[in-house]
Amino acid sequence: MLFSVPSSPHSHRVRIVLAEKDISVEIEDIDPDDKPEDLLHINPYNSVPTLVDRDLVLYDSRVIAEYLDERFPHPPLMPVDPVSRARARLALHRVEKDWYSLLDDLEGGDDARREVAAKQMRESLTASADVFAHKPFFLSDEYTLVDASIAPVLWRLLEWGIELPPEAASVERYAQSIFERDGFQLSLSEAERDMR
């Protein structure tokens, strides 16, 4: 079972991995302001997403995504060789530090903090345009967990009032190709479909 918030980028990341791997799981959509009591009993942080797989409970979206990739190895969403896998993990770390660190302010900050975070996101994505143009996927010829992590951020840009400048056209092209994937389309909640 996956406890998921329909509008959360963290929950969306996990739902993308589930859809890309065609994993069937019961998804319980919850209201982040009115979480079920049983969530607190299984997750000391009372956070979402939370995955329950038999006796295992996981509650960090990055940990859940990596677990799902290892538990259900086909298709693989991380490179097989150690060097490429390490590079993918560094890319995931940068996505967390550079973009996911801005989510709280983009989604719940006051106007001033939202504006600063939106500016940082726009500038960071624009500065990364060459990286998006380099390969069909983010630093890879194959779709990986990095792409599954970036997609929820890019999907929400318009919702956050972030328009990318023309020099970030490669980011827009990348986003469109990711959004057209069957796994991405299947991962969308109704709340997320309404964002665009």
N, C-alpha and C. Protein backbone atom coordinates (compact mmCIF):
# COMPACT_ATOMS: atom_id res chain seq x y z
N MET A 1 0.85 -1.18 0.00
CA MET A 1 0.00 0.00 0.00
C MET A 1 0.89 1.23 0.00
N LEU A 2 0.47 2.23 -0.76
CA LEU A 2 1.16 3.51 -0.79
C LEU A 2 0.23 4.59 -0.27
N PHE A 3 0.65 5.25 0.81
CA PHE A 3 -0.04 6.45 1.26
C PHE A 3 0.51 7.60 0.43
N SER A 4 -0.37 8.30 -0.26
CA SER A 4 0.04 9.31 -1.24
C SER A 4 -0.82 10.55 -1.11
N VAL A 5 -0.21 11.71 -1.31
CA VAL A 5 -0.95 12.96 -1.41
C VAL A 5 -1.07 13.26 -2.91
N PRO A 6 -2.29 13.38 -3.44
CA PRO A 6 -2.48 13.50 -4.89
C PRO A 6 -1.76 14.67 -5.54
N SER A 7 -1.43 15.72 -4.79
CA SER A 7 -0.78 16.88 -5.39
C SER A 7 0.70 17.00 -5.02
N SER A 8 1.22 16.06 -4.26
CA SER A 8 2.59 16.15 -3.76
C SER A 8 3.62 15.68 -4.78
N PRO A 9 4.67 16.49 -5.05
CA PRO A 9 5.72 16.04 -5.96
C PRO A 9 6.46 14.81 -5.43
N HIS A 10 6.59 14.69 -4.11
CA HIS A 10 7.26 13.54 -3.52
C HIS A 10 6.45 12.26 -3.78
N SER A 11 5.14 12.34 -3.57
CA SER A 11 4.27 11.19 -3.85
C SER A 11 4.27 10.88 -5.34
N HIS A 12 4.27 11.94 -6.15
CA HIS A 12 4.23 11.77 -7.60
C HIS A 12 5.48 11.01 -8.07
N ARG A 13 6.63 11.32 -7.50
CA ARG A 13 7.87 10.63 -7.87
C ARG A 13 7.70 9.12 -7.69
N VAL A 14 7.12 8.71 -6.58
CA VAL A 14 6.94 7.29 -6.31
C VAL A 14 5.91 6.69 -7.27
N ARG A 15 4.83 7.42 -7.52
CA ARG A 15 3.81 6.91 -8.45
C ARG A 15 4.35 6.74 -9.86
N ILE A 16 5.29 7.62 -10.25
CA ILE A 16 5.93 7.48 -11.56
C ILE A 16 6.72 6.18 -11.63
N VAL A 17 7.50 5.89 -10.60
CA VAL A 17 8.29 4.66 -10.58
C VAL A 17 7.36 3.45 -10.63
N LEU A 18 6.30 3.47 -9.85
CA LEU A 18 5.33 2.37 -9.88
C LEU A 18 4.77 2.17 -11.29
N ALA A 19 4.41 3.27 -11.94
CA ALA A 19 3.82 3.17 -13.28
C ALA A 19 4.85 2.73 -14.31
N GLU A 20 6.06 3.25 -14.24
CA GLU A 20 7.11 2.87 -15.20
C GLU A 20 7.42 1.38 -15.11
N LYS A 21 7.33 0.84 -13.91
CA LYS A 21 7.64 -0.58 -13.70
C LYS A 21 6.39 -1.45 -13.75
N ASP A 22 5.23 -0.85 -13.96
CA ASP A 22 3.97 -1.57 -14.03
C ASP A 22 3.73 -2.41 -12.78
N ILE A 23 3.96 -1.77 -11.62
CA ILE A 23 3.75 -2.42 -10.33
C ILE A 23 2.35 -2.09 -9.84
N SER A 24 1.58 -3.12 -9.53
CA SER A 24 0.24 -2.90 -8.98
C SER A 24 0.34 -2.72 -7.48
N VAL A 25 -0.24 -1.66 -6.99
CA VAL A 25 -0.25 -1.39 -5.56
C VAL A 25 -1.50 -0.59 -5.23
N GLU A 26 -2.02 -0.83 -4.06
CA GLU A 26 -3.16 -0.04 -3.59
C GLU A 26 -2.64 1.32 -3.18
N ILE A 27 -3.22 2.38 -3.73
CA ILE A 27 -2.82 3.74 -3.38
C ILE A 27 -3.93 4.37 -2.56
N GLU A 28 -3.57 4.81 -1.36
CA GLU A 28 -4.53 5.50 -0.50
C GLU A 28 -4.20 6.99 -0.53
N ASP A 29 -5.05 7.74 -1.24
CA ASP A 29 -4.87 9.18 -1.29
C ASP A 29 -5.32 9.78 0.03
N ILE A 30 -4.46 10.62 0.59
CA ILE A 30 -4.82 11.22 1.88
C ILE A 30 -4.71 12.74 1.82
N ASP A 31 -5.39 13.36 2.74
CA ASP A 31 -5.34 14.81 2.91
C ASP A 31 -4.17 15.09 3.85
N PRO A 32 -3.18 15.88 3.42
CA PRO A 32 -2.01 16.12 4.28
C PRO A 32 -2.36 16.83 5.58
N ASP A 33 -3.51 17.49 5.62
CA ASP A 33 -3.93 18.18 6.85
C ASP A 33 -4.80 17.30 7.74
N ASP A 34 -5.13 16.11 7.27
CA ASP A 34 -5.96 15.20 8.06
C ASP A 34 -5.51 13.76 7.78
N LYS A 35 -4.30 13.45 8.23
CA LYS A 35 -3.72 12.14 7.96
C LYS A 35 -4.38 11.07 8.82
N PRO A 36 -4.51 9.86 8.30
CA PRO A 36 -5.10 8.78 9.08
C PRO A 36 -4.22 8.41 10.27
N GLU A 37 -4.85 7.98 11.35
CA GLU A 37 -4.11 7.63 12.56
C GLU A 37 -3.15 6.48 12.34
N ASP A 38 -3.51 5.52 11.50
CA ASP A 38 -2.64 4.37 11.30
C ASP A 38 -1.31 4.76 10.64
N LEU A 39 -1.28 5.90 9.94
CA LEU A 39 -0.02 6.36 9.35
C LEU A 39 0.99 6.71 10.45
N LEU A 40 0.54 7.37 11.49
CA LEU A 40 1.42 7.72 12.60
C LEU A 40 1.96 6.48 13.31
N HIS A 41 1.17 5.42 13.34
CA HIS A 41 1.59 4.19 14.00
C HIS A 41 2.69 3.46 13.23
N ILE A 42 2.72 3.62 11.92
CA ILE A 42 3.72 2.90 11.13
C ILE A 42 4.90 3.78 10.70
N ASN A 43 4.72 5.09 10.75
CA ASN A 43 5.75 6.02 10.28
C ASN A 43 6.00 7.06 11.37
N PRO A 44 7.17 7.05 12.01
CA PRO A 44 7.43 7.97 13.11
C PRO A 44 7.40 9.44 12.70
N TYR A 45 7.56 9.72 11.41
CA TYR A 45 7.53 11.11 10.93
C TYR A 45 6.14 11.52 10.45
N ASN A 46 5.23 10.54 10.37
CA ASN A 46 3.86 10.81 9.91
C ASN A 46 3.88 11.52 8.55
N SER A 47 4.80 11.11 7.70
CA SER A 47 5.01 11.79 6.43
C SER A 47 4.50 10.96 5.26
N VAL A 48 4.36 11.64 4.14
CA VAL A 48 3.86 11.02 2.92
C VAL A 48 4.83 11.40 1.80
N PRO A 49 5.16 10.49 0.92
CA PRO A 49 4.60 9.16 0.75
C PRO A 49 5.16 8.17 1.77
N THR A 50 4.36 7.16 2.04
CA THR A 50 4.77 6.03 2.87
C THR A 50 4.35 4.76 2.14
N LEU A 51 5.32 3.86 1.98
CA LEU A 51 5.05 2.59 1.31
C LEU A 51 5.08 1.47 2.33
N VAL A 52 4.07 0.62 2.29
CA VAL A 52 4.01 -0.57 3.14
C VAL A 52 4.09 -1.78 2.21
N ASP A 53 5.16 -2.56 2.36
CA ASP A 53 5.35 -3.77 1.56
C ASP A 53 5.59 -4.92 2.52
N ARG A 54 4.53 -5.66 2.80
CA ARG A 54 4.54 -6.72 3.81
C ARG A 54 4.93 -6.12 5.16
N ASP A 55 6.08 -6.55 5.72
CA ASP A 55 6.50 -6.04 7.03
C ASP A 55 7.40 -4.81 6.93
N LEU A 56 7.69 -4.36 5.74
CA LEU A 56 8.58 -3.23 5.54
C LEU A 56 7.77 -1.95 5.36
N VAL A 57 8.19 -0.90 6.06
CA VAL A 57 7.58 0.42 5.91
C VAL A 57 8.67 1.40 5.53
N LEU A 58 8.49 2.08 4.39
CA LEU A 58 9.45 3.08 3.93
C LEU A 58 8.75 4.42 3.80
N TYR A 59 9.47 5.51 4.15
CA TYR A 59 8.79 6.81 4.17
C TYR A 59 9.65 7.97 3.69
N ASP A 60 10.48 7.75 2.73
CA ASP A 60 11.20 8.83 2.05
C ASP A 60 11.10 8.52 0.56
N SER A 61 10.68 9.49 -0.25
CA SER A 61 10.40 9.20 -1.66
C SER A 61 11.62 8.67 -2.41
N ARG A 62 12.79 9.20 -2.09
CA ARG A 62 13.99 8.72 -2.79
C ARG A 62 14.32 7.28 -2.37
N VAL A 63 14.19 6.98 -1.09
CA VAL A 63 14.44 5.63 -0.60
C VAL A 63 13.41 4.66 -1.20
N ILE A 64 12.15 5.08 -1.23
CA ILE A 64 11.10 4.23 -1.79
C ILE A 64 11.38 3.94 -3.27
N ALA A 65 11.76 4.98 -4.02
CA ALA A 65 12.03 4.80 -5.45
C ALA A 65 13.17 3.82 -5.68
N GLU A 66 14.25 3.96 -4.91
CA GLU A 66 15.39 3.05 -5.07
C GLU A 66 15.02 1.62 -4.65
N TYR A 67 14.23 1.51 -3.60
CA TYR A 67 13.79 0.18 -3.15
C TYR A 67 12.96 -0.50 -4.24
N LEU A 68 12.01 0.25 -4.81
CA LEU A 68 11.16 -0.33 -5.86
C LEU A 68 11.99 -0.77 -7.06
N ASP A 69 13.01 0.01 -7.38
CA ASP A 69 13.86 -0.35 -8.52
C ASP A 69 14.64 -1.64 -8.25
N GLU A 70 15.08 -1.82 -7.01
CA GLU A 70 15.82 -3.04 -6.67
C GLU A 70 14.89 -4.24 -6.47
N ARG A 71 13.73 -3.99 -5.88
CA ARG A 71 12.78 -5.08 -5.59
C ARG A 71 12.13 -5.62 -6.86
N PHE A 72 11.89 -4.72 -7.81
CA PHE A 72 11.28 -5.08 -9.10
C PHE A 72 12.26 -4.64 -10.19
N PRO A 73 13.24 -5.48 -10.50
CA PRO A 73 14.37 -5.05 -11.33
C PRO A 73 14.09 -4.80 -12.82
N HIS A 74 12.90 -5.15 -13.30
CA HIS A 74 12.64 -4.96 -14.72
C HIS A 74 11.47 -4.02 -14.94
N PRO A 75 11.61 -2.99 -15.75
CA PRO A 75 12.86 -2.55 -16.36
C PRO A 75 13.71 -1.81 -15.33
N PRO A 76 15.03 -1.91 -15.43
CA PRO A 76 15.88 -1.21 -14.46
C PRO A 76 15.81 0.30 -14.66
N LEU A 77 15.75 1.02 -13.56
CA LEU A 77 15.72 2.49 -13.63
C LEU A 77 17.00 3.11 -13.08
N MET A 78 17.97 2.27 -12.80
CA MET A 78 19.30 2.74 -12.45
C MET A 78 20.28 1.98 -13.32
N PRO A 79 21.38 2.63 -13.70
CA PRO A 79 22.37 1.94 -14.52
C PRO A 79 22.93 0.71 -13.81
N VAL A 80 23.39 -0.25 -14.59
CA VAL A 80 23.88 -1.50 -14.04
C VAL A 80 25.33 -1.37 -13.56
N ASP A 81 26.17 -0.65 -14.32
CA ASP A 81 27.58 -0.59 -13.93
C ASP A 81 27.79 0.43 -12.80
N PRO A 82 28.76 0.18 -11.92
CA PRO A 82 28.96 1.01 -10.72
C PRO A 82 29.26 2.47 -11.01
N VAL A 83 30.04 2.76 -12.05
CA VAL A 83 30.40 4.14 -12.36
C VAL A 83 29.16 4.93 -12.79
N SER A 84 28.39 4.36 -13.69
CA SER A 84 27.16 5.04 -14.16
C SER A 84 26.14 5.16 -13.03
N ARG A 85 26.07 4.14 -12.18
CA ARG A 85 25.15 4.17 -11.04
C ARG A 85 25.56 5.29 -10.07
N ALA A 86 26.85 5.43 -9.83
CA ALA A 86 27.34 6.50 -8.95
C ALA A 86 27.02 7.87 -9.55
N ARG A 87 27.18 8.01 -10.85
CA ARG A 87 26.84 9.28 -11.51
C ARG A 87 25.35 9.59 -11.38
N ALA A 88 24.53 8.55 -11.53
CA ALA A 88 23.08 8.74 -11.38
C ALA A 88 22.74 9.16 -9.95
N ARG A 89 23.41 8.56 -8.97
CA ARG A 89 23.16 8.93 -7.57
C ARG A 89 23.58 10.38 -7.30
N LEU A 90 24.70 10.80 -7.91
CA LEU A 90 25.11 12.20 -7.76
C LEU A 90 24.08 13.13 -8.40
N ALA A 91 23.57 12.74 -9.56
CA ALA A 91 22.53 13.54 -10.21
C ALA A 91 21.28 13.63 -9.32
N LEU A 92 20.89 12.51 -8.71
CA LEU A 92 19.75 12.52 -7.78
C LEU A 92 20.01 13.44 -6.60
N HIS A 93 21.23 13.41 -6.10
CA HIS A 93 21.61 14.29 -4.98
C HIS A 93 21.46 15.76 -5.40
N ARG A 94 21.91 16.08 -6.61
CA ARG A 94 21.81 17.47 -7.08
C ARG A 94 20.35 17.87 -7.29
N VAL A 95 19.54 16.96 -7.80
CA VAL A 95 18.10 17.26 -7.96
C VAL A 95 17.49 17.58 -6.60
N GLU A 96 17.85 16.79 -5.59
CA GLU A 96 17.34 17.03 -4.23
C GLU A 96 17.80 18.38 -3.71
N LYS A 97 19.08 18.65 -3.81
CA LYS A 97 19.66 19.88 -3.26
C LYS A 97 19.23 21.13 -4.02
N ASP A 98 19.23 21.05 -5.35
CA ASP A 98 18.98 22.23 -6.16
C ASP A 98 17.49 22.53 -6.37
N TRP A 99 16.67 21.49 -6.51
CA TRP A 99 15.27 21.72 -6.87
C TRP A 99 14.29 21.29 -5.79
N TYR A 100 14.44 20.10 -5.24
CA TYR A 100 13.50 19.66 -4.21
C TYR A 100 13.60 20.50 -2.95
N SER A 101 14.76 21.10 -2.70
CA SER A 101 14.92 21.95 -1.52
C SER A 101 14.06 23.21 -1.60
N LEU A 102 13.59 23.55 -2.78
CA LEU A 102 12.77 24.76 -2.98
C LEU A 102 11.26 24.47 -2.85
N LEU A 103 10.89 23.20 -2.78
CA LEU A 103 9.47 22.84 -2.84
C LEU A 103 8.64 23.41 -1.69
N ASP A 104 9.16 23.38 -0.48
CA ASP A 104 8.38 23.89 0.65
C ASP A 104 8.00 25.35 0.44
N ASP A 105 8.96 26.16 -0.03
CA ASP A 105 8.67 27.58 -0.26
C ASP A 105 7.75 27.77 -1.46
N LEU A 106 7.93 26.96 -2.50
CA LEU A 106 7.08 27.09 -3.69
C LEU A 106 5.64 26.70 -3.40
N GLU A 107 5.45 25.73 -2.50
CA GLU A 107 4.10 25.23 -2.26
C GLU A 107 3.44 25.79 -1.01
N GLY A 108 4.23 26.31 -0.06
CA GLY A 108 3.60 26.74 1.17
C GLY A 108 4.20 27.96 1.82
N GLY A 109 5.17 28.56 1.17
CA GLY A 109 5.80 29.74 1.75
C GLY A 109 4.95 30.98 1.58
N ASP A 110 5.34 32.05 2.28
CA ASP A 110 4.65 33.32 2.06
C ASP A 110 5.04 33.85 0.69
N ASP A 111 4.40 34.94 0.27
CA ASP A 111 4.62 35.45 -1.09
C ASP A 111 6.09 35.75 -1.37
N ALA A 112 6.78 36.35 -0.42
CA ALA A 112 8.17 36.72 -0.64
C ALA A 112 9.04 35.47 -0.82
N ARG A 113 8.83 34.48 0.03
CA ARG A 113 9.63 33.25 -0.07
C ARG A 113 9.30 32.49 -1.35
N ARG A 114 8.02 32.49 -1.73
CA ARG A 114 7.62 31.83 -2.98
C ARG A 114 8.30 32.50 -4.18
N GLU A 115 8.34 33.82 -4.17
CA GLU A 115 8.95 34.56 -5.27
C GLU A 115 10.45 34.27 -5.37
N VAL A 116 11.12 34.24 -4.24
CA VAL A 116 12.56 33.94 -4.23
C VAL A 116 12.80 32.51 -4.73
N ALA A 117 12.01 31.57 -4.24
CA ALA A 117 12.17 30.17 -4.65
C ALA A 117 11.88 30.00 -6.15
N ALA A 118 10.85 30.68 -6.65
CA ALA A 118 10.51 30.60 -8.08
C ALA A 118 11.66 31.15 -8.93
N LYS A 119 12.25 32.24 -8.49
CA LYS A 119 13.39 32.83 -9.21
C LYS A 119 14.58 31.86 -9.20
N GLN A 120 14.84 31.26 -8.04
CA GLN A 120 15.95 30.29 -7.96
C GLN A 120 15.70 29.09 -8.86
N MET A 121 14.47 28.59 -8.89
CA MET A 121 14.14 27.44 -9.72
C MET A 121 14.31 27.80 -11.20
N ARG A 122 13.78 28.93 -11.61
CA ARG A 122 13.88 29.37 -13.01
C ARG A 122 15.36 29.50 -13.42
N GLU A 123 16.15 30.15 -12.58
CA GLU A 123 17.56 30.37 -12.89
C GLU A 123 18.34 29.06 -12.91
N SER A 124 18.05 28.17 -11.99
CA SER A 124 18.77 26.89 -11.92
C SER A 124 18.45 26.02 -13.13
N LEU A 125 17.17 25.95 -13.50
CA LEU A 125 16.79 25.16 -14.67
C LEU A 125 17.37 25.75 -15.94
N THR A 126 17.36 27.08 -16.04
CA THR A 126 17.92 27.74 -17.22
C THR A 126 19.43 27.48 -17.31
N ALA A 127 20.11 27.55 -16.17
CA ALA A 127 21.55 27.29 -16.15
C ALA A 127 21.87 25.83 -16.51
N SER A 128 20.91 24.95 -16.33
CA SER A 128 21.10 23.52 -16.63
C SER A 128 20.66 23.14 -18.04
N ALA A 129 20.27 24.11 -18.84
CA ALA A 129 19.71 23.83 -20.17
C ALA A 129 20.64 22.97 -21.02
N ASP A 130 21.94 23.24 -20.96
CA ASP A 130 22.89 22.45 -21.77
C ASP A 130 22.88 20.97 -21.36
N VAL A 131 22.70 20.72 -20.07
CA VAL A 131 22.67 19.33 -19.59
C VAL A 131 21.44 18.62 -20.15
N PHE A 132 20.31 19.31 -20.19
CA PHE A 132 19.08 18.72 -20.73
C PHE A 132 19.20 18.46 -22.23
N ALA A 133 20.02 19.26 -22.92
CA ALA A 133 20.17 19.12 -24.37
C ALA A 133 21.15 18.03 -24.75
N HIS A 134 21.99 17.62 -23.83
CA HIS A 134 23.11 16.74 -24.13
C HIS A 134 22.71 15.31 -24.53
N LYS A 135 21.71 14.75 -23.85
CA LYS A 135 21.29 13.36 -24.11
C LYS A 135 19.77 13.30 -24.12
N PRO A 136 19.18 12.20 -24.59
CA PRO A 136 17.71 12.13 -24.63
C PRO A 136 17.07 12.16 -23.24
N PHE A 137 17.77 11.62 -22.25
CA PHE A 137 17.29 11.69 -20.87
C PHE A 137 18.32 12.46 -20.05
N PHE A 138 18.07 12.67 -18.78
CA PHE A 138 18.96 13.52 -17.99
C PHE A 138 20.29 12.80 -17.78
N LEU A 139 21.32 13.27 -18.48
CA LEU A 139 22.68 12.70 -18.42
C LEU A 139 22.73 11.22 -18.78
N SER A 140 21.79 10.75 -19.56
CA SER A 140 21.71 9.32 -19.86
C SER A 140 21.01 9.08 -21.18
N ASP A 141 21.35 7.95 -21.78
CA ASP A 141 20.64 7.51 -22.98
C ASP A 141 19.39 6.71 -22.63
N GLU A 142 19.26 6.34 -21.35
CA GLU A 142 18.12 5.55 -20.88
C GLU A 142 17.36 6.31 -19.80
N TYR A 143 16.08 6.05 -19.70
CA TYR A 143 15.24 6.64 -18.65
C TYR A 143 15.67 6.07 -17.29
N THR A 144 15.87 6.94 -16.30
CA THR A 144 16.33 6.50 -14.98
C THR A 144 15.49 7.12 -13.86
N LEU A 145 15.85 6.76 -12.64
CA LEU A 145 15.21 7.37 -11.47
C LEU A 145 15.41 8.88 -11.43
N VAL A 146 16.47 9.36 -12.05
CA VAL A 146 16.70 10.81 -12.11
C VAL A 146 15.57 11.47 -12.89
N ASP A 147 15.21 10.89 -14.01
CA ASP A 147 14.10 11.44 -14.81
C ASP A 147 12.78 11.37 -14.04
N ALA A 148 12.57 10.26 -13.33
CA ALA A 148 11.35 10.11 -12.53
C ALA A 148 11.31 11.13 -11.40
N SER A 149 12.46 11.62 -10.97
CA SER A 149 12.53 12.62 -9.91
C SER A 149 12.36 14.04 -10.44
N ILE A 150 12.86 14.29 -11.65
CA ILE A 150 12.76 15.62 -12.24
C ILE A 150 11.34 15.90 -12.76
N ALA A 151 10.69 14.88 -13.30
CA ALA A 151 9.38 15.06 -13.94
C ALA A 151 8.34 15.76 -13.06
N PRO A 152 8.19 15.39 -11.76
CA PRO A 152 7.18 16.07 -10.95
C PRO A 152 7.45 17.57 -10.78
N VAL A 153 8.73 17.94 -10.76
CA VAL A 153 9.09 19.35 -10.63
C VAL A 153 8.70 20.10 -11.90
N LEU A 154 9.09 19.57 -13.04
CA LEU A 154 8.80 20.24 -14.31
C LEU A 154 7.29 20.32 -14.57
N TRP A 155 6.54 19.28 -14.17
CA TRP A 155 5.09 19.29 -14.37
C TRP A 155 4.42 20.43 -13.62
N ARG A 156 5.00 20.85 -12.49
CA ARG A 156 4.40 21.85 -11.63
C ARG A 156 4.86 23.28 -11.88
N LEU A 157 5.75 23.49 -12.84
CA LEU A 157 6.30 24.83 -13.06
C LEU A 157 5.20 25.86 -13.31
N LEU A 158 4.27 25.55 -14.20
CA LEU A 158 3.20 26.51 -14.49
C LEU A 158 2.32 26.75 -13.27
N GLU A 159 2.09 25.69 -12.51
CA GLU A 159 1.30 25.81 -11.27
C GLU A 159 1.97 26.78 -10.30
N TRP A 160 3.29 26.81 -10.29
CA TRP A 160 4.06 27.70 -9.41
C TRP A 160 4.31 29.07 -10.05
N GLY A 161 3.79 29.26 -11.26
CA GLY A 161 3.98 30.55 -11.93
C GLY A 161 5.37 30.73 -12.51
N ILE A 162 6.04 29.65 -12.83
CA ILE A 162 7.40 29.72 -13.36
C ILE A 162 7.37 29.47 -14.87
N GLU A 163 7.75 30.49 -15.61
CA GLU A 163 7.89 30.35 -17.06
C GLU A 163 9.37 30.39 -17.39
N LEU A 164 9.81 29.42 -18.15
CA LEU A 164 11.22 29.37 -18.52
C LEU A 164 11.48 30.27 -19.72
N PRO A 165 12.65 30.91 -19.75
CA PRO A 165 12.99 31.79 -20.87
C PRO A 165 13.34 30.97 -22.12
N PRO A 166 13.42 31.64 -23.28
CA PRO A 166 13.73 30.93 -24.53
C PRO A 166 15.04 30.14 -24.48
N GLU A 167 16.02 30.63 -23.73
CA GLU A 167 17.30 29.91 -23.67
C GLU A 167 17.19 28.57 -22.95
N ALA A 168 16.05 28.29 -22.32
CA ALA A 168 15.82 27.01 -21.66
C ALA A 168 14.91 26.10 -22.50
N ALA A 169 14.91 26.32 -23.81
CA ALA A 169 14.05 25.53 -24.70
C ALA A 169 14.34 24.04 -24.59
N SER A 170 15.60 23.68 -24.34
CA SER A 170 15.94 22.25 -24.23
C SER A 170 15.26 21.62 -23.01
N VAL A 171 15.05 22.41 -21.95
CA VAL A 171 14.34 21.91 -20.77
C VAL A 171 12.89 21.63 -21.13
N GLU A 172 12.29 22.54 -21.88
CA GLU A 172 10.89 22.36 -22.32
C GLU A 172 10.75 21.13 -23.21
N ARG A 173 11.70 20.94 -24.15
CA ARG A 173 11.64 19.76 -25.03
C ARG A 173 11.77 18.48 -24.22
N TYR A 174 12.71 18.48 -23.29
CA TYR A 174 12.90 17.32 -22.42
C TYR A 174 11.60 17.03 -21.65
N ALA A 175 11.03 18.08 -21.06
CA ALA A 175 9.80 17.92 -20.27
C ALA A 175 8.69 17.30 -21.11
N GLN A 176 8.49 17.81 -22.31
CA GLN A 176 7.43 17.28 -23.17
C GLN A 176 7.64 15.81 -23.47
N SER A 177 8.89 15.42 -23.74
CA SER A 177 9.14 14.00 -24.05
C SER A 177 8.89 13.12 -22.83
N ILE A 178 9.20 13.61 -21.65
CA ILE A 178 8.95 12.85 -20.41
C ILE A 178 7.44 12.77 -20.15
N PHE A 179 6.74 13.89 -20.34
CA PHE A 179 5.30 13.93 -20.07
C PHE A 179 4.52 13.01 -21.01
N GLU A 180 5.06 12.73 -22.19
CA GLU A 180 4.37 11.88 -23.15
C GLU A 180 4.53 10.39 -22.87
N ARG A 181 5.43 10.05 -21.95
CA ARG A 181 5.64 8.62 -21.63
C ARG A 181 4.38 8.03 -21.00
N ASP A 182 4.08 6.78 -21.34
CA ASP A 182 2.92 6.11 -20.76
C ASP A 182 2.99 6.08 -19.24
N GLY A 183 4.17 5.76 -18.70
CA GLY A 183 4.33 5.70 -17.25
C GLY A 183 4.00 7.01 -16.58
N PHE A 184 4.41 8.10 -17.19
CA PHE A 184 4.11 9.41 -16.61
C PHE A 184 2.61 9.66 -16.64
N GLN A 185 1.99 9.42 -17.78
CA GLN A 185 0.55 9.66 -17.89
C GLN A 185 -0.24 8.82 -16.89
N LEU A 186 0.16 7.56 -16.71
CA LEU A 186 -0.52 6.68 -15.77
C LEU A 186 -0.31 7.11 -14.32
N SER A 187 0.77 7.83 -14.04
CA SER A 187 1.09 8.22 -12.67
C SER A 187 0.29 9.41 -12.18
N LEU A 188 -0.32 10.14 -13.09
CA LEU A 188 -0.98 11.39 -12.72
C LEU A 188 -2.27 11.18 -11.93
N SER A 189 -2.39 11.90 -10.84
CA SER A 189 -3.66 11.94 -10.10
C SER A 189 -4.56 12.97 -10.79
N GLU A 190 -5.83 12.99 -10.41
CA GLU A 190 -6.74 14.01 -10.96
C GLU A 190 -6.25 15.41 -10.62
N ALA A 191 -5.77 15.60 -9.39
CA ALA A 191 -5.26 16.91 -8.97
C ALA A 191 -4.09 17.34 -9.86
N GLU A 192 -3.25 16.40 -10.21
CA GLU A 192 -2.10 16.72 -11.06
C GLU A 192 -2.53 17.00 -12.50
N ARG A 193 -3.51 16.27 -12.99
CA ARG A 193 -4.01 16.54 -14.35
C ARG A 193 -4.56 17.96 -14.43
N ASP A 194 -5.17 18.43 -13.35
CA ASP A 194 -5.76 19.77 -13.33
C ASP A 194 -4.70 20.88 -13.29
N MET A 195 -3.45 20.52 -13.05
CA MET A 195 -2.38 21.53 -12.99
C MET A 195 -2.03 22.07 -14.36
N ARG A 196 -2.40 21.33 -15.41
CA ARG A 196 -2.07 21.76 -16.78
C ARG A 196 -3.29 21.67 -17.67
